Amino acid sequence: MRLLDRAELAQLLDTRVFHLIGDVADEMGVETYVVGGYVRDLFLERPSKDIDVVVVGSGIGLAEAVAARMGKGAHVSVFRNFGTAQVHWHGEEVEFVGARKESYSHDSRKPIVEDGTLEDDQQRRDFTINAMAVCLNRERFGELIDPFDGIWDLQDRLIATPLDPDITFSDDPLRMMRCIRFATQLNFEIEPETLEALHRNRERIRIISQERIIDELQKIMASDSPARGWELLFQCGLLDIIFPELAAMQGVETVAGRAHKDNFWHTLEVLTNVVRALRDDPTERADNGLWLRWAALLHDIGKPKTKRWDAQQGWTFHNHNFVGEKMIPHIFRRMKMPMDERMKYVQKLVSLHMRPIVIADEEVTDSAVRRLLFEAGDDIDDLMLLCEADITSKNEQRKQRFLDNFRLVRQKLIDLEERDRIRNFQPPVSGEEIMQRFHLPPCREVGTLKSAVKDAILDGVIPNEHDAALQFVIEKARKMGLES
């Protein structure tokens, strides 16, 4: 980051919107400041679209006056219950609020609000790096007000609270999630006393709505290093409360001198591998692979329920992919995540994530690859990316053998798709055609014939063509005693 003096800050804020706000504030005789994340990101040289302005006076009054001065194209939205207003103008959004001080009751994160000074307003903010303000009034334009030394915490890459962290987190427990989110997004450390306060106040998170929690988790998952966020959630004890199924994956058990790997830390390694692969992947993804990241986080979620000790085999996790698949809807529903195609996508990848590994560990047959392509459909490339990320063995020779076989699987996928058109295919002989030819109503025999055609194509017995499939159906029907 760069340490910016007043002249440099004034130059960075030298835009029409900031000067206009300052001029209108001067005419109204009120102090006004740009605060929070926008100021923080000026020093970090990060783009920031949301502009927050604090007024020592009426935020709504200044917003309405500024919008009137802006003229055509300006739109103001007033939220009187909160004492705030938003002005939209040529693609820019500015939120105005009056300086205030807050107090809280123990069972709610909704504060009792009173008018206050700028210092009162800065004290109520979550972290020192978000409590800095820069004056917009003409005589003091560009002047930094930083009573909690947020600039030095920025330089030291630290997340700390302006006041006692126990008070900060107890008053508004959502700040605990925001603390971890900022540490993850900015790659900052959490100041030791603040980290200890996270652990002490972790139970307070129970008064926060699941919608608020998942919003912070999604921001963590979309960051450059989401695994770090989950590590911090585990470290401070929040993970046990907000995501017990994931916390249950941590730990190693040893029997007869044989231990299994720690599935929690393995999962975070897989998540990191997926993020790295997405960064290098030329495929355009509007959501930055967000749901593929969730699939990585959840791919082994069924392991704690399936862990068994066997004297011959050692530790086993048989069918953990199928158990995990069944857990996904419950997890998504409880965590207020979308119960739509995104959930089904994650569910599919969790269910199928062992298949390419099994194929790569054995002889790579055309039949096995056809079935994989049929079941994965358009998600086959994401599945392969996840499975390659899942190879975290410390045995480099074994790891390389898997990766080499994966390359063979990928090539077979390309070759078979070009030749057999298996991806998302429908059997070339439909159920309606079968019923017409054999004079059948909807019945079990129709389903049997359709399944037989599908299996014959996937096993390479017949090509994926109508005439060959129809001849196969006729022969199969004759053996079943059906006449056309």
Protein backbone atom coordinates (compact mmCIF):
# COMPACT_ATOMS: atom_id res chain seq x y z
CA MET A 1 0.00 0.00 0.00
CA ARG A 2 1.01 3.66 -0.41
CA LEU A 3 0.97 6.22 2.39
CA LEU A 4 -0.96 9.13 0.91
CA ASP A 5 -0.67 12.71 2.12
CA ARG A 6 -3.50 15.23 1.98
CA ALA A 7 -2.54 16.52 -1.46
CA GLU A 8 -2.50 12.99 -2.91
CA LEU A 9 -5.86 12.13 -1.32
CA ALA A 10 -7.32 15.38 -2.67
CA GLN A 11 -6.06 14.45 -6.13
CA LEU A 12 -7.63 10.97 -5.92
CA LEU A 13 -10.94 12.54 -4.85
CA ASP A 14 -10.78 15.23 -7.53
CA THR A 15 -14.02 14.23 -9.24
CA ARG A 16 -17.21 16.11 -9.92
CA VAL A 17 -19.30 14.08 -7.48
CA PHE A 18 -17.00 14.65 -4.46
CA HIS A 19 -16.59 18.37 -5.13
CA LEU A 20 -20.34 18.73 -5.61
CA ILE A 21 -21.04 16.99 -2.26
CA GLY A 22 -18.50 19.21 -0.52
CA ASP A 23 -19.88 22.41 -2.07
CA VAL A 24 -23.47 21.61 -1.10
CA ALA A 25 -22.35 20.68 2.43
CA ASP A 26 -20.53 24.06 2.72
CA GLU A 27 -23.68 25.88 1.65
CA MET A 28 -25.69 23.97 4.30
CA GLY A 29 -23.04 24.60 6.94
CA VAL A 30 -22.40 20.90 7.74
CA GLU A 31 -19.25 18.80 7.85
CA THR A 32 -19.17 15.86 5.46
CA TYR A 33 -16.72 13.01 4.96
CA VAL A 34 -16.23 9.99 2.72
CA VAL A 35 -15.67 7.02 5.03
CA GLY A 36 -15.17 3.28 5.29
CA GLY A 37 -14.25 0.89 2.51
CA TYR A 38 -13.85 3.56 -0.14
CA VAL A 39 -11.12 5.28 1.89
CA ARG A 40 -9.47 1.97 2.76
CA ASP A 41 -9.34 0.99 -0.89
CA LEU A 42 -7.77 4.31 -1.89
CA PHE A 43 -4.72 3.34 0.15
CA LEU A 44 -4.79 -0.27 -1.06
CA GLU A 45 -5.17 0.91 -4.69
CA ARG A 46 -8.20 -1.34 -5.12
CA PRO A 47 -11.25 -0.37 -7.20
CA SER A 48 -14.29 0.53 -5.11
CA LYS A 49 -17.72 1.48 -6.44
CA ASP A 50 -19.73 2.01 -3.24
CA ILE A 51 -19.24 5.47 -1.76
CA ASP A 52 -20.32 6.06 1.85
CA VAL A 53 -20.64 9.64 3.07
CA VAL A 54 -21.10 10.69 6.70
CA VAL A 55 -22.68 14.04 7.50
CA VAL A 56 -22.46 15.72 10.91
CA GLY A 57 -26.13 16.58 10.58
CA SER A 58 -28.91 15.17 8.39
CA GLY A 59 -27.68 12.62 5.87
CA ILE A 60 -31.07 12.57 4.18
CA GLY A 61 -31.14 16.39 3.94
CA LEU A 62 -27.71 16.52 2.29
CA ALA A 63 -28.60 13.67 -0.09
CA GLU A 64 -31.75 15.43 -1.27
CA ALA A 65 -29.88 18.71 -1.75
CA VAL A 66 -27.05 17.00 -3.65
CA ALA A 67 -29.51 15.16 -5.92
CA ALA A 68 -31.31 18.44 -6.65
CA ARG A 69 -28.00 20.09 -7.58
CA MET A 70 -27.07 17.15 -9.83
CA GLY A 71 -30.25 17.71 -11.80
CA LYS A 72 -31.41 15.46 -14.59
CA GLY A 73 -30.39 11.81 -14.22
CA ALA A 74 -30.06 11.92 -10.43
CA HIS A 75 -32.33 9.70 -8.37
CA VAL A 76 -32.55 9.69 -4.57
CA SER A 77 -33.93 6.83 -2.46
CA VAL A 78 -34.74 7.73 1.15
CA PHE A 79 -34.84 5.21 4.03
CA ARG A 80 -36.17 7.27 6.92
CA ASN A 81 -36.34 4.34 9.35
CA PHE A 82 -32.57 4.01 9.04
CA GLY A 83 -31.77 7.70 8.59
CA THR A 84 -30.03 7.01 5.29
CA ALA A 85 -30.43 7.93 1.63
CA GLN A 86 -28.87 6.73 -1.63
CA VAL A 87 -28.20 8.94 -4.63
CA HIS A 88 -27.77 7.28 -8.03
CA TRP A 89 -26.20 9.43 -10.69
CA HIS A 90 -24.69 8.35 -14.05
CA GLY A 91 -23.74 4.89 -12.77
CA GLU A 92 -22.39 6.10 -9.44
CA GLU A 93 -24.03 5.27 -6.11
CA VAL A 94 -23.49 7.35 -2.99
CA GLU A 95 -24.98 6.48 0.38
CA PHE A 96 -25.48 9.31 2.88
CA VAL A 97 -25.94 8.89 6.62
CA GLY A 98 -25.90 11.27 9.55
CA ALA A 99 -23.09 10.80 12.08
CA ARG A 100 -24.45 8.69 14.92
CA LYS A 101 -23.63 6.72 18.01
CA GLU A 102 -25.11 3.33 18.77
CA SER A 103 -25.93 1.12 21.74
CA TYR A 104 -27.14 -2.47 21.71
CA SER A 105 -29.28 -4.87 23.73
CA HIS A 106 -27.85 -8.34 24.31
CA ASP A 107 -30.44 -10.26 22.27
CA SER A 108 -30.34 -8.17 19.09
CA ARG A 109 -27.86 -6.76 16.62
CA LYS A 110 -30.21 -3.85 15.87
CA PRO A 111 -28.77 -0.78 17.59
CA ILE A 112 -30.42 2.06 19.44
CA VAL A 113 -29.29 5.05 17.36
CA GLU A 114 -28.70 8.65 18.43
CA ASP A 115 -27.21 11.63 16.63
CA GLY A 116 -23.48 11.87 17.26
CA THR A 117 -20.17 13.39 16.28
CA LEU A 118 -17.80 12.15 13.60
CA GLU A 119 -15.75 10.44 16.33
CA ASP A 120 -18.90 8.70 17.63
CA ASP A 121 -19.54 7.47 14.10
CA GLN A 122 -16.00 6.20 13.66
CA GLN A 123 -16.13 4.38 17.02
CA ARG A 124 -19.20 2.39 15.95
CA ARG A 125 -17.46 0.99 12.86
CA ASP A 126 -16.29 -2.58 12.74
CA PHE A 127 -12.55 -2.33 12.10
CA THR A 128 -9.88 0.34 12.24
CA ILE A 129 -9.20 0.04 8.52
CA ASN A 130 -12.88 0.81 7.87
CA ALA A 131 -13.04 3.73 10.34
CA MET A 132 -10.94 6.23 8.40
CA ALA A 133 -12.60 9.35 7.00
CA VAL A 134 -11.54 12.00 4.48
CA CYS A 135 -13.09 15.48 4.60
CA LEU A 136 -14.97 16.74 1.52
CA ASN A 137 -15.57 20.34 2.69
CA ARG A 138 -13.65 22.83 0.55
CA GLU A 139 -11.26 24.19 3.19
CA ARG A 140 -10.28 20.72 4.45
CA PHE A 141 -10.74 18.74 1.22
CA GLY A 142 -8.54 15.60 1.32
CA GLU A 143 -7.79 15.77 5.07
CA LEU A 144 -7.59 12.31 6.69
CA ILE A 145 -9.23 11.76 10.09
CA ASP A 146 -7.93 8.51 11.56
CA PRO A 147 -8.35 8.40 15.37
CA PHE A 148 -7.73 4.63 15.60
CA ASP A 149 -4.58 4.47 13.45
CA GLY A 150 -6.24 2.45 10.72
CA ILE A 151 -3.54 3.60 8.33
CA TRP A 152 -0.89 1.76 10.36
CA ASP A 153 -3.04 -1.39 10.56
CA LEU A 154 -3.35 -1.18 6.77
CA GLN A 155 0.40 -0.96 6.48
CA ASP A 156 0.88 -3.85 8.93
CA ARG A 157 -1.88 -5.82 7.16
CA LEU A 158 -3.86 -6.27 10.38
CA ILE A 159 -7.58 -6.59 11.16
CA ALA A 160 -8.34 -4.93 14.52
CA THR A 161 -11.38 -3.26 16.09
CA PRO A 162 -11.56 0.44 17.04
CA LEU A 163 -12.79 -0.39 20.55
CA ASP A 164 -12.66 -3.46 22.81
CA PRO A 165 -13.22 -6.40 20.42
CA ASP A 166 -15.45 -8.18 22.95
CA ILE A 167 -17.81 -5.20 22.84
CA THR A 168 -17.57 -4.90 19.05
CA PHE A 169 -18.40 -8.57 18.44
CA SER A 170 -20.97 -8.94 21.20
CA ASP A 171 -22.85 -5.83 20.03
CA ASP A 172 -23.06 -7.03 16.43
CA PRO A 173 -21.95 -10.67 16.01
CA LEU A 174 -22.08 -10.40 12.22
CA ARG A 175 -18.82 -8.49 12.58
CA MET A 176 -17.15 -11.80 13.45
CA MET A 177 -17.98 -13.11 9.97
CA ARG A 178 -16.92 -9.80 8.42
CA CYS A 179 -13.62 -10.00 10.32
CA ILE A 180 -12.81 -13.35 8.76
CA ARG A 181 -14.09 -12.25 5.37
CA PHE A 182 -11.84 -9.16 5.29
CA ALA A 183 -8.83 -11.16 6.50
CA THR A 184 -9.49 -13.61 3.66
CA GLN A 185 -10.19 -11.09 0.90
CA LEU A 186 -7.28 -8.77 1.80
CA ASN A 187 -4.90 -11.54 2.93
CA PHE A 188 -4.47 -9.74 6.28
CA GLU A 189 -3.72 -11.22 9.70
CA ILE A 190 -6.23 -10.89 12.54
CA GLU A 191 -4.69 -9.04 15.48
CA PRO A 192 -4.17 -11.59 18.33
CA GLU A 193 -6.52 -9.96 20.86
CA THR A 194 -9.18 -9.67 18.17
CA LEU A 195 -8.73 -13.34 17.24
CA GLU A 196 -9.13 -14.37 20.89
CA ALA A 197 -12.31 -12.26 21.10
CA LEU A 198 -13.69 -14.14 18.09
CA HIS A 199 -13.34 -17.37 20.03
CA ARG A 200 -14.79 -15.94 23.24
CA ASN A 201 -17.84 -14.52 21.48
CA ARG A 202 -18.45 -17.32 18.98
CA GLU A 203 -21.77 -18.39 20.53
CA ARG A 204 -23.19 -14.92 19.80
CA ILE A 205 -23.30 -15.86 16.11
CA ARG A 206 -26.49 -17.81 16.87
CA ILE A 207 -28.56 -14.58 16.86
CA ILE A 208 -27.49 -13.80 13.27
CA SER A 209 -29.80 -14.89 10.45
CA GLN A 210 -28.60 -17.62 8.14
CA GLU A 211 -29.07 -15.29 5.16
CA ARG A 212 -26.50 -12.87 6.62
CA ILE A 213 -24.07 -15.68 7.36
CA ILE A 214 -24.27 -17.25 3.90
CA ASP A 215 -23.77 -13.83 2.31
CA GLU A 216 -20.40 -13.56 4.09
CA LEU A 217 -19.52 -17.18 3.29
CA GLN A 218 -20.21 -16.58 -0.41
CA LYS A 219 -17.82 -13.61 -0.36
CA ILE A 220 -15.20 -15.79 1.31
CA MET A 221 -15.72 -18.51 -1.30
CA ALA A 222 -15.39 -16.00 -4.15
CA SER A 223 -12.06 -14.68 -2.83
CA ASP A 224 -8.60 -15.59 -4.13
CA SER A 225 -7.87 -17.82 -1.10
CA PRO A 226 -11.15 -19.18 0.29
CA ALA A 227 -9.43 -22.01 2.16
CA ARG A 228 -7.89 -19.42 4.48
CA GLY A 229 -11.34 -18.21 5.48
CA TRP A 230 -12.47 -21.72 6.39
CA GLU A 231 -9.23 -22.25 8.33
CA LEU A 232 -9.91 -19.09 10.36
CA LEU A 233 -13.54 -20.13 10.96
CA PHE A 234 -12.24 -23.44 12.30
CA GLN A 235 -9.51 -21.79 14.36
CA CYS A 236 -11.90 -19.48 16.24
CA GLY A 237 -14.62 -22.08 16.79
CA LEU A 238 -17.27 -20.52 14.56
CA LEU A 239 -17.17 -23.44 12.12
CA ASP A 240 -18.63 -25.87 14.70
CA ILE A 241 -21.68 -23.61 14.97
CA ILE A 242 -22.31 -22.50 11.40
CA PHE A 243 -21.18 -25.65 9.53
CA PRO A 244 -20.91 -28.65 11.89
CA GLU A 245 -20.72 -31.19 9.03
CA LEU A 246 -17.50 -29.58 7.78
CA ALA A 247 -16.04 -29.23 11.27
CA ALA A 248 -16.70 -32.97 11.83
CA MET A 249 -14.20 -33.79 9.09
CA GLN A 250 -11.27 -32.51 11.16
CA GLY A 251 -9.12 -34.95 13.11
CA VAL A 252 -7.14 -38.14 12.66
CA GLU A 253 -7.86 -41.49 14.31
CA THR A 254 -5.26 -44.23 14.66
CA VAL A 255 -5.88 -47.96 15.14
CA ALA A 256 -3.14 -50.61 15.16
CA GLY A 257 -0.64 -47.97 14.11
CA ARG A 258 -2.64 -47.04 11.00
CA ALA A 259 -4.12 -43.55 10.64
CA HIS A 260 -6.35 -41.99 8.01
CA LYS A 261 -5.63 -38.54 6.61
CA ASP A 262 -7.25 -35.46 8.11
CA ASN A 263 -10.16 -34.95 5.72
CA PHE A 264 -10.75 -31.34 6.73
CA TRP A 265 -7.26 -30.19 5.80
CA HIS A 266 -7.33 -32.39 2.70
CA THR A 267 -10.57 -30.66 1.66
CA LEU A 268 -9.01 -27.21 2.04
CA GLU A 269 -6.08 -28.37 -0.08
CA VAL A 270 -8.48 -29.58 -2.78
CA LEU A 271 -10.34 -26.24 -2.64
CA THR A 272 -7.04 -24.38 -3.09
CA ASN A 273 -6.13 -26.63 -6.03
CA VAL A 274 -9.50 -25.92 -7.68
CA VAL A 275 -9.09 -22.15 -7.26
CA ARG A 276 -5.60 -22.38 -8.77
CA ALA A 277 -6.87 -24.48 -11.69
CA LEU A 278 -9.75 -22.05 -12.31
CA ARG A 279 -7.24 -19.21 -12.44
CA ASP A 280 -5.35 -21.01 -15.21
CA ASP A 281 -8.47 -22.28 -17.01
CA PRO A 282 -9.39 -20.27 -20.14
CA THR A 283 -13.08 -21.26 -19.84
CA GLU A 284 -15.32 -18.24 -19.22
CA ARG A 285 -17.28 -18.55 -15.98
CA ALA A 286 -19.64 -15.76 -14.99
CA ASP A 287 -19.56 -16.78 -11.31
CA ASN A 288 -15.78 -17.40 -11.18
CA GLY A 289 -16.49 -21.09 -10.66
CA LEU A 290 -18.26 -20.38 -7.35
CA TRP A 291 -20.31 -23.58 -7.39
CA LEU A 292 -17.34 -25.67 -8.47
CA ARG A 293 -15.59 -24.25 -5.37
CA TRP A 294 -18.54 -25.40 -3.26
CA ALA A 295 -18.34 -28.85 -4.85
CA ALA A 296 -14.66 -28.99 -3.85
CA LEU A 297 -15.52 -28.01 -0.27
CA LEU A 298 -18.28 -30.62 -0.06
CA HIS A 299 -16.84 -33.46 -2.12
CA ASP A 300 -15.87 -35.55 0.94
CA ILE A 301 -18.62 -34.31 3.28
CA GLY A 302 -19.95 -37.87 3.62
CA LYS A 303 -16.70 -39.28 5.02
CA PRO A 304 -17.38 -38.80 8.76
CA LYS A 305 -20.62 -40.81 8.42
CA THR A 306 -18.97 -43.63 6.46
CA LYS A 307 -15.66 -43.98 8.32
CA ARG A 308 -15.04 -47.60 9.36
CA TRP A 309 -12.04 -49.62 10.56
CA ASP A 310 -11.37 -52.95 8.88
CA ALA A 311 -8.54 -55.16 10.08
CA GLN A 312 -7.63 -56.16 6.51
CA GLN A 313 -8.30 -52.94 4.61
CA GLY A 314 -7.57 -50.38 7.32
CA TRP A 315 -9.67 -47.23 7.31
CA THR A 316 -12.46 -47.18 4.75
CA PHE A 317 -15.03 -44.60 3.61
CA HIS A 318 -17.16 -46.80 1.38
CA ASN A 319 -19.87 -44.96 -0.58
CA HIS A 320 -18.99 -41.62 0.99
CA ASN A 321 -19.76 -39.96 -2.36
CA PHE A 322 -23.34 -41.29 -2.35
CA VAL A 323 -23.85 -40.39 1.32
CA GLY A 324 -22.46 -36.93 0.57
CA GLU A 325 -24.80 -36.58 -2.41
CA LYS A 326 -27.80 -37.20 -0.11
CA MET A 327 -26.49 -34.64 2.42
CA ILE A 328 -26.24 -31.77 -0.07
CA PRO A 329 -29.95 -30.78 -0.21
CA HIS A 330 -30.19 -30.69 3.59
CA ILE A 331 -27.04 -28.56 3.86
CA PHE A 332 -28.18 -26.15 1.15
CA ARG A 333 -31.65 -25.83 2.69
CA ARG A 334 -30.34 -25.18 6.21
CA MET A 335 -27.75 -22.69 5.03
CA LYS A 336 -30.28 -20.82 2.85
CA MET A 337 -28.42 -21.61 -0.35
CA PRO A 338 -30.26 -21.92 -3.69
CA MET A 339 -32.34 -25.09 -4.04
CA ASP A 340 -32.14 -25.04 -7.84
CA GLU A 341 -29.83 -26.16 -10.63
CA ARG A 342 -26.81 -24.87 -8.68
CA MET A 343 -27.54 -27.27 -5.84
CA LYS A 344 -28.10 -30.12 -8.32
CA TYR A 345 -24.77 -29.29 -10.00
CA VAL A 346 -22.89 -29.53 -6.68
CA GLN A 347 -24.80 -32.72 -5.84
CA LYS A 348 -23.83 -34.28 -9.17
CA LEU A 349 -20.13 -33.50 -8.78
CA VAL A 350 -20.10 -34.84 -5.21
CA SER A 351 -21.79 -38.04 -6.40
CA LEU A 352 -19.46 -38.57 -9.38
CA HIS A 353 -16.14 -37.34 -7.99
CA MET A 354 -14.82 -40.87 -7.35
CA ARG A 355 -15.60 -42.18 -10.83
CA PRO A 356 -12.68 -40.68 -12.80
CA ILE A 357 -10.31 -41.69 -10.00
CA VAL A 358 -11.49 -45.31 -10.16
CA ILE A 359 -11.15 -45.29 -13.96
CA ALA A 360 -7.67 -43.76 -13.77
CA ASP A 361 -6.57 -46.32 -11.17
CA GLU A 362 -7.60 -49.21 -13.41
CA GLU A 363 -7.55 -49.92 -17.14
CA VAL A 364 -9.13 -46.96 -18.95
CA THR A 365 -11.83 -48.76 -20.96
CA ASP A 366 -14.05 -47.16 -23.58
CA SER A 367 -17.16 -48.47 -21.81
CA ALA A 368 -16.25 -46.85 -18.46
CA VAL A 369 -15.44 -43.54 -20.13
CA ARG A 370 -18.69 -43.58 -22.15
CA ARG A 371 -20.71 -44.09 -18.95
CA LEU A 372 -18.83 -41.30 -17.20
CA LEU A 373 -19.48 -38.94 -20.12
CA PHE A 374 -23.17 -39.90 -20.20
CA GLU A 375 -23.69 -39.29 -16.47
CA ALA A 376 -21.63 -36.09 -16.21
CA GLY A 377 -22.99 -34.54 -19.39
CA ASP A 378 -21.96 -30.90 -19.87
CA ASP A 379 -20.32 -30.88 -16.44
CA ILE A 380 -17.64 -33.37 -17.45
CA ASP A 381 -14.86 -30.79 -17.72
CA ASP A 382 -15.63 -29.40 -14.26
CA LEU A 383 -15.73 -32.93 -12.86
CA MET A 384 -12.32 -33.73 -14.32
CA LEU A 385 -10.89 -30.48 -12.93
CA LEU A 386 -12.24 -31.36 -9.46
CA CYS A 387 -10.87 -34.89 -9.63
CA GLU A 388 -7.41 -33.74 -10.61
CA ALA A 389 -7.49 -31.24 -7.73
CA ASP A 390 -8.43 -34.14 -5.42
CA ILE A 391 -5.09 -35.85 -5.99
CA THR A 392 -3.16 -34.57 -2.95
CA SER A 393 -1.02 -37.62 -2.25
CA LYS A 394 2.45 -36.88 -0.85
CA ASN A 395 3.70 -39.91 -2.82
CA GLU A 396 4.87 -38.07 -5.94
CA GLN A 397 5.18 -41.25 -7.99
CA ARG A 398 1.58 -42.29 -7.22
CA LYS A 399 0.34 -38.75 -7.79
CA GLN A 400 2.03 -38.57 -11.19
CA ARG A 401 0.57 -41.95 -12.19
CA PHE A 402 -2.94 -40.68 -11.48
CA LEU A 403 -2.35 -37.44 -13.37
CA ASP A 404 -0.93 -39.30 -16.36
CA ASN A 405 -3.98 -41.59 -16.41
CA PHE A 406 -6.27 -38.58 -16.11
CA ARG A 407 -4.70 -37.20 -19.27
CA LEU A 408 -5.54 -40.52 -20.96
CA VAL A 409 -9.13 -40.30 -19.66
CA ARG A 410 -9.43 -36.73 -20.97
CA GLN A 411 -8.22 -37.78 -24.43
CA LYS A 412 -10.63 -40.73 -24.51
CA LEU A 413 -13.46 -38.38 -23.55
CA ILE A 414 -12.63 -36.21 -26.55
CA ASP A 415 -12.29 -39.15 -28.93
CA LEU A 416 -15.46 -40.94 -27.80
CA GLU A 417 -17.55 -37.77 -27.83
CA GLU A 418 -16.48 -37.03 -31.41
CA ARG A 419 -17.26 -40.58 -32.49
CA ASP A 420 -20.28 -41.60 -30.39
CA ARG A 421 -21.93 -38.29 -29.36
CA ILE A 422 -22.60 -39.63 -25.86
CA ARG A 423 -22.77 -36.38 -23.90
CA ASN A 424 -26.40 -35.80 -22.80
CA PHE A 425 -27.62 -38.27 -25.41
CA GLN A 426 -31.13 -39.73 -25.48
CA PRO A 427 -31.55 -43.32 -26.75
CA PRO A 428 -32.19 -43.09 -30.52
CA VAL A 429 -35.26 -45.32 -30.17
CA SER A 430 -37.85 -43.59 -27.99
CA GLY A 431 -40.35 -45.16 -25.63
CA GLU A 432 -43.19 -44.00 -27.90
CA GLU A 433 -41.67 -45.80 -30.87
CA ILE A 434 -41.27 -48.98 -28.83
CA MET A 435 -44.92 -48.84 -27.68
CA GLN A 436 -46.17 -48.32 -31.25
CA ARG A 437 -44.06 -51.09 -32.76
CA PHE A 438 -44.94 -53.69 -30.14
CA HIS A 439 -48.48 -52.45 -29.39
CA LEU A 440 -47.68 -51.86 -25.73
CA PRO A 441 -49.14 -49.46 -23.17
CA PRO A 442 -46.72 -47.69 -20.80
CA CYS A 443 -45.27 -50.63 -18.85
CA ARG A 444 -42.13 -52.18 -17.37
CA GLU A 445 -41.19 -53.88 -20.64
CA VAL A 446 -40.86 -50.49 -22.37
CA GLY A 447 -38.47 -49.30 -19.68
CA THR A 448 -36.50 -52.54 -19.91
CA LEU A 449 -36.03 -52.13 -23.67
CA LYS A 450 -35.01 -48.46 -23.35
CA SER A 451 -32.45 -49.32 -20.65
CA ALA A 452 -31.09 -52.17 -22.75
CA VAL A 453 -30.54 -49.82 -25.72
CA LYS A 454 -28.80 -47.26 -23.50
CA ASP A 455 -26.52 -49.92 -21.98
CA ALA A 456 -25.69 -51.40 -25.37
CA ILE A 457 -24.62 -48.01 -26.70
CA LEU A 458 -22.59 -47.15 -23.58
CA ASP A 459 -20.91 -50.54 -23.64
CA GLY A 460 -20.04 -50.14 -27.33
CA VAL A 461 -22.19 -53.10 -28.43
CA ILE A 462 -24.01 -50.95 -30.98
CA PRO A 463 -23.34 -47.47 -32.38
CA ASN A 464 -25.41 -44.49 -31.27
CA GLU A 465 -27.60 -44.64 -34.40
CA HIS A 466 -31.34 -45.18 -34.91
CA ASP A 467 -31.27 -48.14 -37.32
CA ALA A 468 -28.74 -50.11 -35.29
CA ALA A 469 -30.63 -49.34 -32.08
CA LEU A 470 -33.97 -50.38 -33.60
CA GLN A 471 -32.57 -53.69 -34.80
CA PHE A 472 -31.17 -54.27 -31.29
CA VAL A 473 -34.61 -53.54 -29.77
CA ILE A 474 -36.32 -55.97 -32.14
CA GLU A 475 -33.91 -58.75 -31.23
CA LYS A 476 -34.19 -58.01 -27.50
CA ALA A 477 -38.02 -57.88 -27.73
CA ARG A 478 -38.12 -61.24 -29.50
CA LYS A 479 -36.12 -62.83 -26.67
CA MET A 480 -38.64 -61.30 -24.24
CA GLY A 481 -41.52 -62.88 -26.15
CA LEU A 482 -42.79 -59.63 -27.66
CA GLU A 483 -44.03 -59.51 -31.24
CA SER A 484 -44.10 -56.42 -33.49
